[in-house]
Structures are given as C-alpha cells and as structure tokens.
Amino acid sequence: MTTAISSRLSSSTDSLLRFAMRADAVLSGLTGIAMLLFAPRIAEMSGTTARFEYATGAFFVVFSTAVLVLASRPAIRTSGLALAVGNLLFSVATVVLVLADVFPLTTTGVVLILGTGVYTLVMAELQYQGVRRMGRPVQ
C-alpha cells in the first residue's frame, strides 16, 4: 500500500503547479484579510483610498478561494495556465497603476504596489513552469 502511494506521488507531474497555485491562494488570502482589517491605515500610508484597499482586499480573498478550489481539481493544466497569464497581467496592471498617477501615491505606496507586481510575476513564473513540467496534454 505504501509503495503504491509513494510511487504515485513521485511520478506526479503536476506537483509544482499545485504547490504554486496553493501558495498563491494562501498568500493572496492572507494579504486580502490583512487589507480588509487595516484598509484605512494602508490607504493613509500608501496614498490610495480606504475604498480601494477594501475592494482590493475583498478581491484577494475571493481570488484565493477560487484558486484553492481550482488547485484541488483533478485536471489543473488549463486553470494553471490561465492563472499564470492572469498573474502576468496583474503585474502589468500594477506598473500601469503607478505610471498613470491614479492616486497621489507615497513612496511607501509605490513600493507596496510594485512589490505586489513583483510577487505576482514570480507566481506567474512558478505556475508557468509547473504547466511546462506537466508536458503536453495527450490528444
């Protein structure tokens, strides 16, 4: 019994993708909860508005729940690739947000927003590598 389980785990090709998806979900969820709890203070420090921080925090919590559900499905290749592309687009959106001067961002705000962009870029890379490790789907 133990041999059957361990051989199945060691031959798994989706472990990196599942790990990257779950890590993204947990970290995004924790960040979202913190944003919901401290939105006025974060807005004050960053130069955004409390409404923006509440909305972003709520989005992160919903996003993390959806990603955890997707990561638990038997087939995750397509959702993993979509998540990697979404994270890449989110990274681009953070740069656009800073450059568009939508908010009178403080230095802390610029660092926080661009830091989020770097985080999502790292997650996109991990998820993409997880998809690549799975190989091509069998037709």
C-alpha atoms as a PDB file:
ATOM      1  CA  MET A   1       0.000   0.000   0.000  1.00  0.00           C
ATOM      2  CA  THR A   2       2.734   2.472   0.950  1.00  0.00           C
ATOM      3  CA  THR A   3       4.684   1.595  -2.183  1.00  0.00           C
ATOM      4  CA  ALA A   4       1.678   2.268  -4.409  1.00  0.00           C
ATOM      5  CA  ILE A   5       1.052   5.667  -2.827  1.00  0.00           C
ATOM      6  CA  SER A   6       4.681   6.797  -2.826  1.00  0.00           C
ATOM      7  CA  SER A   7       5.253   5.719  -6.433  1.00  0.00           C
ATOM      8  CA  ARG A   8       2.142   7.622  -7.481  1.00  0.00           C
ATOM      9  CA  LEU A   9       3.355  10.771  -5.692  1.00  0.00           C
ATOM     10  CA  SER A  10       6.861  10.570  -7.090  1.00  0.00           C
ATOM     11  CA  SER A  11       5.568  10.147 -10.647  1.00  0.00           C
ATOM     12  CA  SER A  12       3.199  13.122 -10.324  1.00  0.00           C
ATOM     13  CA  THR A  13       3.935  15.803 -12.897  1.00  0.00           C
ATOM     14  CA  ASP A  14       1.582  18.434 -11.518  1.00  0.00           C
ATOM     15  CA  SER A  15       3.095  18.864  -8.049  1.00  0.00           C
ATOM     16  CA  LEU A  16       4.918  22.136  -8.839  1.00  0.00           C
ATOM     17  CA  LEU A  17       1.803  23.662 -10.374  1.00  0.00           C
ATOM     18  CA  ARG A  18      -0.408  22.557  -7.466  1.00  0.00           C
ATOM     19  CA  PHE A  19       2.133  23.929  -4.991  1.00  0.00           C
ATOM     20  CA  ALA A  20       2.382  27.264  -6.832  1.00  0.00           C
ATOM     21  CA  MET A  21      -1.400  27.579  -7.056  1.00  0.00           C
ATOM     22  CA  ARG A  22      -1.916  26.760  -3.389  1.00  0.00           C
ATOM     23  CA  ALA A  23       0.894  29.066  -2.274  1.00  0.00           C
ATOM     24  CA  ASP A  24      -0.576  31.875  -4.366  1.00  0.00           C
ATOM     25  CA  ALA A  25      -4.018  31.238  -2.874  1.00  0.00           C
ATOM     26  CA  VAL A  26      -2.813  31.194   0.730  1.00  0.00           C
ATOM     27  CA  LEU A  27      -0.571  34.253   0.415  1.00  0.00           C
ATOM     28  CA  SER A  28      -3.200  36.222  -1.512  1.00  0.00           C
ATOM     29  CA  GLY A  29      -5.866  35.265   1.006  1.00  0.00           C
ATOM     30  CA  LEU A  30      -3.753  36.325   3.970  1.00  0.00           C
ATOM     31  CA  THR A  31      -2.906  39.598   2.229  1.00  0.00           C
ATOM     32  CA  GLY A  32      -6.575  40.179   1.456  1.00  0.00           C
ATOM     33  CA  ILE A  33      -7.596  39.607   5.071  1.00  0.00           C
ATOM     34  CA  ALA A  34      -4.892  41.998   6.278  1.00  0.00           C
ATOM     35  CA  MET A  35      -6.055  44.596   3.760  1.00  0.00           C
ATOM     36  CA  LEU A  36      -9.646  44.266   4.952  1.00  0.00           C
ATOM     37  CA  LEU A  37      -8.581  44.638   8.563  1.00  0.00           C
ATOM     38  CA  PHE A  38      -6.226  47.573   8.039  1.00  0.00           C
ATOM     39  CA  ALA A  39      -7.598  49.303   4.925  1.00  0.00           C
ATOM     40  CA  PRO A  40      -7.782  52.846   6.363  1.00  0.00           C
ATOM     41  CA  ARG A  41      -4.245  52.648   7.731  1.00  0.00           C
ATOM     42  CA  ILE A  42      -2.861  51.159   4.494  1.00  0.00           C
ATOM     43  CA  ALA A  43      -4.615  53.875   2.488  1.00  0.00           C
ATOM     44  CA  GLU A  44      -3.127  56.563   4.704  1.00  0.00           C
ATOM     45  CA  MET A  45       0.378  55.121   4.367  1.00  0.00           C
ATOM     46  CA  SER A  46       0.176  54.479   0.629  1.00  0.00           C
ATOM     47  CA  GLY A  47      -1.797  57.405  -0.734  1.00  0.00           C
ATOM     48  CA  THR A  48      -4.710  55.328  -2.023  1.00  0.00           C
ATOM     49  CA  THR A  49      -8.241  55.379  -0.611  1.00  0.00           C
ATOM     50  CA  ALA A  50      -9.762  53.095   2.011  1.00  0.00           C
ATOM     51  CA  ARG A  51     -12.424  52.100  -0.539  1.00  0.00           C
ATOM     52  CA  PHE A  52      -9.706  50.969  -2.954  1.00  0.00           C
ATOM     53  CA  GLU A  53      -7.983  48.952  -0.217  1.00  0.00           C
ATOM     54  CA  TYR A  54     -11.258  47.325   0.888  1.00  0.00           C
ATOM     55  CA  ALA A  55     -12.106  46.415  -2.709  1.00  0.00           C
ATOM     56  CA  THR A  56      -8.638  45.029  -3.373  1.00  0.00           C
ATOM     57  CA  GLY A  57      -8.671  43.058  -0.123  1.00  0.00           C
ATOM     58  CA  ALA A  58     -12.084  41.570  -0.924  1.00  0.00           C
ATOM     59  CA  PHE A  59     -10.886  40.676  -4.425  1.00  0.00           C
ATOM     60  CA  PHE A  60      -7.839  38.908  -2.981  1.00  0.00           C
ATOM     61  CA  VAL A  61      -9.992  36.858  -0.583  1.00  0.00           C
ATOM     62  CA  VAL A  62     -12.412  35.789  -3.350  1.00  0.00           C
ATOM     63  CA  PHE A  63      -9.491  35.123  -5.698  1.00  0.00           C
ATOM     64  CA  SER A  64      -7.722  32.944  -3.124  1.00  0.00           C
ATOM     65  CA  THR A  65     -10.856  30.886  -2.520  1.00  0.00           C
ATOM     66  CA  ALA A  66     -11.322  30.310  -6.245  1.00  0.00           C
ATOM     67  CA  VAL A  67      -7.674  29.327  -6.739  1.00  0.00           C
ATOM     68  CA  LEU A  68      -7.835  26.844  -3.842  1.00  0.00           C
ATOM     69  CA  VAL A  69     -10.872  25.230  -5.471  1.00  0.00           C
ATOM     70  CA  LEU A  70      -9.133  25.103  -8.851  1.00  0.00           C
ATOM     71  CA  ALA A  71      -5.972  23.628  -7.311  1.00  0.00           C
ATOM     72  CA  SER A  72      -7.998  20.776  -5.809  1.00  0.00           C
ATOM     73  CA  ARG A  73      -9.445  19.657  -9.137  1.00  0.00           C
ATOM     74  CA  PRO A  74      -8.022  16.542 -10.818  1.00  0.00           C
ATOM     75  CA  ALA A  75      -7.083  18.391 -14.032  1.00  0.00           C
ATOM     76  CA  ILE A  76      -5.335  21.707 -13.400  1.00  0.00           C
ATOM     77  CA  ARG A  77      -3.328  22.386 -16.540  1.00  0.00           C
ATOM     78  CA  THR A  78      -5.770  24.838 -18.148  1.00  0.00           C
ATOM     79  CA  SER A  79      -6.632  26.653 -14.940  1.00  0.00           C
ATOM     80  CA  GLY A  80      -2.940  26.826 -14.027  1.00  0.00           C
ATOM     81  CA  LEU A  81      -2.081  28.384 -17.365  1.00  0.00           C
ATOM     82  CA  ALA A  82      -4.978  30.852 -17.062  1.00  0.00           C
ATOM     83  CA  LEU A  83      -3.790  31.751 -13.567  1.00  0.00           C
ATOM     84  CA  ALA A  84      -0.227  32.329 -14.796  1.00  0.00           C
ATOM     85  CA  VAL A  85      -1.499  34.636 -17.555  1.00  0.00           C
ATOM     86  CA  GLY A  86      -3.761  36.438 -15.071  1.00  0.00           C
ATOM     87  CA  ASN A  87      -0.865  36.973 -12.688  1.00  0.00           C
ATOM     88  CA  LEU A  88       1.258  38.321 -15.528  1.00  0.00           C
ATOM     89  CA  LEU A  89      -1.500  40.764 -16.480  1.00  0.00           C
ATOM     90  CA  PHE A  90      -1.885  41.802 -12.840  1.00  0.00           C
ATOM     91  CA  SER A  91       1.847  42.573 -12.751  1.00  0.00           C
ATOM     92  CA  VAL A  92       1.481  44.790 -15.801  1.00  0.00           C
ATOM     93  CA  ALA A  93      -1.563  46.463 -14.198  1.00  0.00           C
ATOM     94  CA  THR A  94       0.465  47.386 -11.113  1.00  0.00           C
ATOM     95  CA  VAL A  95       3.025  49.196 -13.249  1.00  0.00           C
ATOM     96  CA  VAL A  96       0.253  50.957 -15.186  1.00  0.00           C
ATOM     97  CA  LEU A  97      -1.418  51.989 -11.920  1.00  0.00           C
ATOM     98  CA  VAL A  98       1.785  53.607 -10.700  1.00  0.00           C
ATOM     99  CA  LEU A  99       2.625  55.277 -14.027  1.00  0.00           C
ATOM    100  CA  ALA A 100      -0.942  56.503 -14.670  1.00  0.00           C
ATOM    101  CA  ASP A 101      -0.814  58.502 -11.461  1.00  0.00           C
ATOM    102  CA  VAL A 102      -4.354  57.445 -10.491  1.00  0.00           C
ATOM    103  CA  PHE A 103      -3.603  58.065  -6.815  1.00  0.00           C
ATOM    104  CA  PRO A 104      -1.216  60.529  -5.169  1.00  0.00           C
ATOM    105  CA  LEU A 105       0.977  57.629  -4.066  1.00  0.00           C
ATOM    106  CA  THR A 106       3.562  57.994  -1.373  1.00  0.00           C
ATOM    107  CA  THR A 107       6.914  56.291  -1.701  1.00  0.00           C
ATOM    108  CA  THR A 108       5.504  53.524   0.511  1.00  0.00           C
ATOM    109  CA  GLY A 109       2.519  53.218  -1.834  1.00  0.00           C
ATOM    110  CA  VAL A 110       4.723  52.887  -4.899  1.00  0.00           C
ATOM    111  CA  VAL A 111       6.834  50.226  -3.156  1.00  0.00           C
ATOM    112  CA  LEU A 112       3.766  48.293  -1.991  1.00  0.00           C
ATOM    113  CA  ILE A 113       2.066  48.344  -5.391  1.00  0.00           C
ATOM    114  CA  LEU A 114       5.198  47.487  -7.372  1.00  0.00           C
ATOM    115  CA  GLY A 115       6.083  44.854  -4.745  1.00  0.00           C
ATOM    116  CA  THR A 116       2.707  43.264  -5.417  1.00  0.00           C
ATOM    117  CA  GLY A 117       3.569  43.286  -9.106  1.00  0.00           C
ATOM    118  CA  VAL A 118       6.873  41.528  -8.463  1.00  0.00           C
ATOM    119  CA  TYR A 119       5.105  38.938  -6.290  1.00  0.00           C
ATOM    120  CA  THR A 120       2.528  38.180  -8.998  1.00  0.00           C
ATOM    121  CA  LEU A 121       5.275  37.981 -11.603  1.00  0.00           C
ATOM    122  CA  VAL A 122       7.132  35.389  -9.505  1.00  0.00           C
ATOM    123  CA  MET A 123       3.892  33.431  -9.048  1.00  0.00           C
ATOM    124  CA  ALA A 124       3.187  33.606 -12.783  1.00  0.00           C
ATOM    125  CA  GLU A 125       6.639  32.182 -13.499  1.00  0.00           C
ATOM    126  CA  LEU A 126       6.229  29.363 -10.971  1.00  0.00           C
ATOM    127  CA  GLN A 127       2.816  28.479 -12.343  1.00  0.00           C
ATOM    128  CA  TYR A 128       4.033  28.592 -15.925  1.00  0.00           C
ATOM    129  CA  GLN A 129       6.987  26.340 -15.066  1.00  0.00           C
ATOM    130  CA  GLY A 130       4.528  23.989 -13.351  1.00  0.00           C
ATOM    131  CA  VAL A 131       2.443  23.826 -16.524  1.00  0.00           C
ATOM    132  CA  ARG A 132       5.558  23.211 -18.630  1.00  0.00           C
ATOM    133  CA  ARG A 133       6.719  20.449 -16.285  1.00  0.00           C
ATOM    134  CA  MET A 134       3.423  18.656 -16.904  1.00  0.00           C
ATOM    135  CA  GLY A 135       4.304  18.327 -20.580  1.00  0.00           C
ATOM    136  CA  ARG A 136       1.930  18.440 -23.498  1.00  0.00           C
ATOM    137  CA  PRO A 137      -1.595  17.096 -22.997  1.00  0.00           C
ATOM    138  CA  VAL A 138      -2.334  13.749 -24.620  1.00  0.00           C
ATOM    139  CA  GLN A 139      -4.774  14.145 -27.509  1.00  0.00           C
END
